[in-house]
Amino acid sequence: MHGGTGGTCTVTVDRTLQGNTGGRSFAIGATAGYQYSVNAWNIVPSLSLNYRRVSFDSFGENDPTLATDGLAIAFGDRTIESLRSILGAEISHP
């Protein structure tokens, strides 16, 4: 750019890149609670725990018709873990 003026450059890409990846997931959860009555009210406190682990294999795109041109993406192996707890209560009057 010259003279301090702004400009816009538009590039159109009409290509399909190919790639293949895999992954695994594991999840487990448990909930525990106890019901008791107080003055004709039912009270049920509870606690839940949930664990999840997801693993993704590395991934890379390519265009079989062209050499490396910078448009393909790639990332390495990745693992994500989550542990969630939920504290709850149910109160009812029969």
N, C-alpha and C. Protein backbone atom coordinates (compact mmCIF):
# COMPACT_ATOMS: atom_id res chain seq x y z
N MET A 1 0.83 -1.17 0.00
CA MET A 1 0.00 0.00 0.00
C MET A 1 0.88 1.24 0.00
N HIS A 2 0.50 2.22 -0.76
CA HIS A 2 1.24 3.48 -0.83
C HIS A 2 0.31 4.62 -0.47
N GLY A 3 0.86 5.69 0.05
CA GLY A 3 0.11 6.90 0.31
C GLY A 3 -0.82 6.83 1.50
N GLY A 4 -0.73 5.79 2.36
CA GLY A 4 -1.52 5.71 3.57
C GLY A 4 -2.98 5.33 3.37
N THR A 5 -3.36 4.89 2.18
CA THR A 5 -4.76 4.48 1.97
C THR A 5 -4.89 2.99 2.24
N GLY A 6 -6.04 2.59 2.73
CA GLY A 6 -6.30 1.18 3.00
C GLY A 6 -6.80 0.47 1.77
N GLY A 7 -6.77 -0.81 1.81
CA GLY A 7 -7.26 -1.59 0.68
C GLY A 7 -7.67 -2.97 1.12
N THR A 8 -8.33 -3.67 0.25
CA THR A 8 -8.79 -5.01 0.55
C THR A 8 -8.29 -5.95 -0.53
N CYS A 9 -7.83 -7.09 -0.10
CA CYS A 9 -7.38 -8.12 -1.03
C CYS A 9 -8.24 -9.35 -0.80
N THR A 10 -8.92 -9.81 -1.81
CA THR A 10 -9.78 -10.98 -1.70
C THR A 10 -9.16 -12.12 -2.48
N VAL A 11 -9.07 -13.28 -1.82
CA VAL A 11 -8.52 -14.48 -2.45
C VAL A 11 -9.57 -15.57 -2.34
N THR A 12 -9.89 -16.21 -3.43
CA THR A 12 -10.85 -17.31 -3.44
C THR A 12 -10.10 -18.62 -3.60
N VAL A 13 -10.40 -19.56 -2.71
CA VAL A 13 -9.77 -20.87 -2.76
C VAL A 13 -10.87 -21.90 -2.96
N ASP A 14 -10.77 -22.65 -4.03
CA ASP A 14 -11.78 -23.66 -4.34
C ASP A 14 -11.08 -25.01 -4.45
N ARG A 15 -10.74 -25.55 -3.28
CA ARG A 15 -10.04 -26.83 -3.24
C ARG A 15 -10.54 -27.64 -2.07
N THR A 16 -10.40 -28.95 -2.16
CA THR A 16 -10.73 -29.84 -1.07
C THR A 16 -9.47 -30.57 -0.66
N LEU A 17 -9.12 -30.43 0.61
CA LEU A 17 -7.96 -31.13 1.14
C LEU A 17 -8.43 -32.41 1.82
N GLN A 18 -7.54 -33.39 1.90
CA GLN A 18 -7.90 -34.67 2.48
C GLN A 18 -7.11 -34.91 3.76
N GLY A 19 -7.73 -35.61 4.68
CA GLY A 19 -7.07 -35.96 5.92
C GLY A 19 -7.83 -37.08 6.60
N ASN A 20 -7.19 -37.71 7.57
CA ASN A 20 -7.81 -38.81 8.28
C ASN A 20 -7.27 -38.82 9.71
N THR A 21 -8.16 -39.01 10.65
CA THR A 21 -7.73 -39.08 12.04
C THR A 21 -8.59 -40.09 12.78
N GLY A 22 -8.21 -40.40 13.97
CA GLY A 22 -8.97 -41.34 14.81
C GLY A 22 -8.97 -40.83 16.24
N GLY A 23 -9.64 -41.53 17.09
CA GLY A 23 -9.68 -41.12 18.48
C GLY A 23 -10.41 -42.14 19.32
N ARG A 24 -10.36 -41.92 20.62
CA ARG A 24 -11.00 -42.80 21.58
C ARG A 24 -11.63 -41.96 22.67
N SER A 25 -12.67 -42.49 23.29
CA SER A 25 -13.28 -41.80 24.42
C SER A 25 -13.68 -42.80 25.49
N PHE A 26 -13.68 -42.32 26.72
CA PHE A 26 -14.06 -43.13 27.87
C PHE A 26 -14.80 -42.22 28.84
N ALA A 27 -15.90 -42.71 29.38
CA ALA A 27 -16.66 -41.92 30.35
C ALA A 27 -17.26 -42.85 31.40
N ILE A 28 -17.30 -42.36 32.62
CA ILE A 28 -17.90 -43.11 33.71
C ILE A 28 -18.52 -42.11 34.69
N GLY A 29 -19.61 -42.49 35.30
CA GLY A 29 -20.27 -41.60 36.24
C GLY A 29 -21.00 -42.37 37.31
N ALA A 30 -21.23 -41.73 38.43
CA ALA A 30 -21.96 -42.34 39.54
C ALA A 30 -22.73 -41.25 40.29
N THR A 31 -23.89 -41.62 40.79
CA THR A 31 -24.70 -40.72 41.60
C THR A 31 -25.12 -41.46 42.87
N ALA A 32 -25.02 -40.78 44.00
CA ALA A 32 -25.44 -41.35 45.28
C ALA A 32 -26.33 -40.35 45.98
N GLY A 33 -27.34 -40.88 46.64
CA GLY A 33 -28.25 -40.02 47.39
C GLY A 33 -28.89 -40.79 48.53
N TYR A 34 -29.52 -40.07 49.42
CA TYR A 34 -30.17 -40.69 50.56
C TYR A 34 -31.47 -39.96 50.83
N GLN A 35 -32.56 -40.71 50.98
CA GLN A 35 -33.86 -40.10 51.24
C GLN A 35 -34.19 -40.20 52.72
N TYR A 36 -34.60 -39.08 53.29
CA TYR A 36 -35.09 -39.10 54.66
C TYR A 36 -36.25 -38.12 54.78
N SER A 37 -37.05 -38.28 55.84
CA SER A 37 -38.25 -37.47 56.04
C SER A 37 -38.11 -36.62 57.30
N VAL A 38 -38.56 -35.37 57.18
CA VAL A 38 -38.57 -34.44 58.30
C VAL A 38 -39.92 -33.73 58.29
N ASN A 39 -40.73 -33.94 59.37
CA ASN A 39 -42.04 -33.29 59.48
C ASN A 39 -42.87 -33.43 58.21
N ALA A 40 -42.99 -34.63 57.70
CA ALA A 40 -43.78 -34.98 56.51
C ALA A 40 -43.18 -34.45 55.20
N TRP A 41 -41.96 -33.97 55.20
CA TRP A 41 -41.26 -33.56 53.98
C TRP A 41 -40.24 -34.64 53.64
N ASN A 42 -40.16 -34.98 52.35
CA ASN A 42 -39.12 -35.90 51.87
C ASN A 42 -37.95 -35.08 51.36
N ILE A 43 -36.77 -35.39 51.83
CA ILE A 43 -35.56 -34.67 51.44
C ILE A 43 -34.56 -35.69 50.91
N VAL A 44 -34.04 -35.42 49.70
CA VAL A 44 -33.09 -36.34 49.07
C VAL A 44 -31.87 -35.55 48.59
N PRO A 45 -30.83 -35.44 49.42
CA PRO A 45 -29.58 -34.84 48.93
C PRO A 45 -28.84 -35.86 48.06
N SER A 46 -28.10 -35.37 47.07
CA SER A 46 -27.38 -36.28 46.18
C SER A 46 -26.06 -35.66 45.72
N LEU A 47 -25.16 -36.53 45.34
CA LEU A 47 -23.85 -36.13 44.81
C LEU A 47 -23.54 -36.99 43.60
N SER A 48 -23.17 -36.35 42.50
CA SER A 48 -22.79 -37.07 41.27
C SER A 48 -21.35 -36.72 40.92
N LEU A 49 -20.62 -37.71 40.42
CA LEU A 49 -19.27 -37.51 39.88
C LEU A 49 -19.24 -38.10 38.48
N ASN A 50 -18.70 -37.35 37.54
CA ASN A 50 -18.58 -37.80 36.16
C ASN A 50 -17.16 -37.55 35.66
N TYR A 51 -16.55 -38.58 35.09
CA TYR A 51 -15.19 -38.48 34.54
C TYR A 51 -15.26 -38.79 33.05
N ARG A 52 -14.53 -38.01 32.27
CA ARG A 52 -14.47 -38.22 30.83
C ARG A 52 -13.04 -38.00 30.34
N ARG A 53 -12.60 -38.87 29.43
CA ARG A 53 -11.28 -38.74 28.80
C ARG A 53 -11.46 -38.98 27.31
N VAL A 54 -11.00 -38.02 26.51
CA VAL A 54 -11.09 -38.12 25.05
C VAL A 54 -9.69 -37.93 24.48
N SER A 55 -9.29 -38.83 23.61
CA SER A 55 -7.97 -38.75 22.96
C SER A 55 -8.16 -38.68 21.45
N PHE A 56 -7.48 -37.72 20.84
CA PHE A 56 -7.49 -37.56 19.38
C PHE A 56 -6.10 -37.89 18.85
N ASP A 57 -6.03 -38.68 17.80
CA ASP A 57 -4.76 -38.96 17.15
C ASP A 57 -4.31 -37.75 16.35
N SER A 58 -3.02 -37.70 16.05
CA SER A 58 -2.51 -36.59 15.25
C SER A 58 -3.21 -36.56 13.89
N PHE A 59 -3.19 -35.39 13.28
CA PHE A 59 -3.95 -35.19 12.06
C PHE A 59 -3.18 -34.27 11.13
N GLY A 60 -3.22 -34.56 9.86
CA GLY A 60 -2.61 -33.70 8.86
C GLY A 60 -3.38 -33.77 7.56
N GLU A 61 -3.64 -32.62 6.97
CA GLU A 61 -4.33 -32.57 5.67
C GLU A 61 -3.30 -32.56 4.55
N ASN A 62 -3.75 -32.97 3.38
CA ASN A 62 -2.90 -32.84 2.20
C ASN A 62 -3.77 -32.72 0.96
N ASP A 63 -3.18 -32.19 -0.07
CA ASP A 63 -3.84 -32.09 -1.37
C ASP A 63 -3.04 -32.98 -2.31
N PRO A 64 -3.60 -34.09 -2.75
CA PRO A 64 -2.82 -35.02 -3.58
C PRO A 64 -2.41 -34.45 -4.93
N THR A 65 -2.99 -33.32 -5.35
CA THR A 65 -2.65 -32.77 -6.66
C THR A 65 -1.55 -31.71 -6.60
N LEU A 66 -1.24 -31.21 -5.39
CA LEU A 66 -0.24 -30.15 -5.25
C LEU A 66 0.79 -30.51 -4.18
N ALA A 67 1.94 -29.92 -4.31
CA ALA A 67 2.94 -30.04 -3.25
C ALA A 67 2.53 -29.11 -2.10
N THR A 68 3.33 -29.03 -1.10
CA THR A 68 3.04 -28.20 0.06
C THR A 68 2.86 -26.74 -0.36
N ASP A 69 1.70 -26.17 0.00
CA ASP A 69 1.45 -24.77 -0.35
C ASP A 69 1.01 -23.93 0.84
N GLY A 70 0.96 -24.51 2.04
CA GLY A 70 0.65 -23.73 3.22
C GLY A 70 -0.81 -23.69 3.59
N LEU A 71 -1.70 -24.29 2.82
CA LEU A 71 -3.12 -24.26 3.16
C LEU A 71 -3.55 -25.40 4.08
N ALA A 72 -2.79 -26.48 4.12
CA ALA A 72 -3.17 -27.63 4.93
C ALA A 72 -2.93 -27.35 6.41
N ILE A 73 -3.76 -27.93 7.27
CA ILE A 73 -3.56 -27.80 8.71
C ILE A 73 -3.08 -29.13 9.26
N ALA A 74 -2.47 -29.07 10.43
CA ALA A 74 -2.00 -30.27 11.11
C ALA A 74 -1.96 -30.00 12.60
N PHE A 75 -2.21 -31.03 13.40
CA PHE A 75 -2.03 -30.93 14.84
C PHE A 75 -1.61 -32.28 15.38
N GLY A 76 -0.96 -32.27 16.53
CA GLY A 76 -0.45 -33.48 17.14
C GLY A 76 -1.50 -34.17 18.00
N ASP A 77 -1.11 -35.29 18.59
CA ASP A 77 -2.00 -36.01 19.49
C ASP A 77 -2.49 -35.07 20.59
N ARG A 78 -3.72 -35.28 21.02
CA ARG A 78 -4.28 -34.43 22.07
C ARG A 78 -5.18 -35.28 22.96
N THR A 79 -5.08 -35.05 24.26
CA THR A 79 -5.94 -35.73 25.24
C THR A 79 -6.60 -34.68 26.12
N ILE A 80 -7.90 -34.82 26.32
CA ILE A 80 -8.67 -33.90 27.15
C ILE A 80 -9.35 -34.72 28.24
N GLU A 81 -9.20 -34.28 29.49
CA GLU A 81 -9.84 -34.95 30.61
C GLU A 81 -10.76 -33.98 31.34
N SER A 82 -11.84 -34.52 31.88
CA SER A 82 -12.81 -33.69 32.60
C SER A 82 -13.32 -34.47 33.80
N LEU A 83 -13.40 -33.81 34.94
CA LEU A 83 -14.01 -34.37 36.14
C LEU A 83 -15.04 -33.37 36.62
N ARG A 84 -16.30 -33.80 36.68
CA ARG A 84 -17.37 -32.89 37.05
C ARG A 84 -18.12 -33.46 38.25
N SER A 85 -18.42 -32.60 39.20
CA SER A 85 -19.21 -33.00 40.36
C SER A 85 -20.49 -32.16 40.40
N ILE A 86 -21.57 -32.79 40.84
CA ILE A 86 -22.86 -32.12 40.92
C ILE A 86 -23.45 -32.42 42.29
N LEU A 87 -23.76 -31.38 43.03
CA LEU A 87 -24.42 -31.51 44.32
C LEU A 87 -25.88 -31.08 44.13
N GLY A 88 -26.80 -31.94 44.54
CA GLY A 88 -28.20 -31.62 44.32
C GLY A 88 -29.07 -32.00 45.50
N ALA A 89 -30.30 -31.58 45.45
CA ALA A 89 -31.27 -31.92 46.48
C ALA A 89 -32.67 -31.91 45.88
N GLU A 90 -33.49 -32.83 46.36
CA GLU A 90 -34.89 -32.87 45.96
C GLU A 90 -35.72 -32.81 47.24
N ILE A 91 -36.67 -31.90 47.25
CA ILE A 91 -37.53 -31.74 48.42
C ILE A 91 -38.99 -31.85 47.93
N SER A 92 -39.75 -32.70 48.62
CA SER A 92 -41.15 -32.87 48.24
C SER A 92 -42.02 -33.07 49.48
N HIS A 93 -43.29 -32.77 49.30
CA HIS A 93 -44.27 -32.95 50.38
C HIS A 93 -45.38 -33.84 49.82
N PRO A 94 -45.52 -35.05 50.37
CA PRO A 94 -46.52 -35.99 49.81
C PRO A 94 -47.94 -35.53 50.03
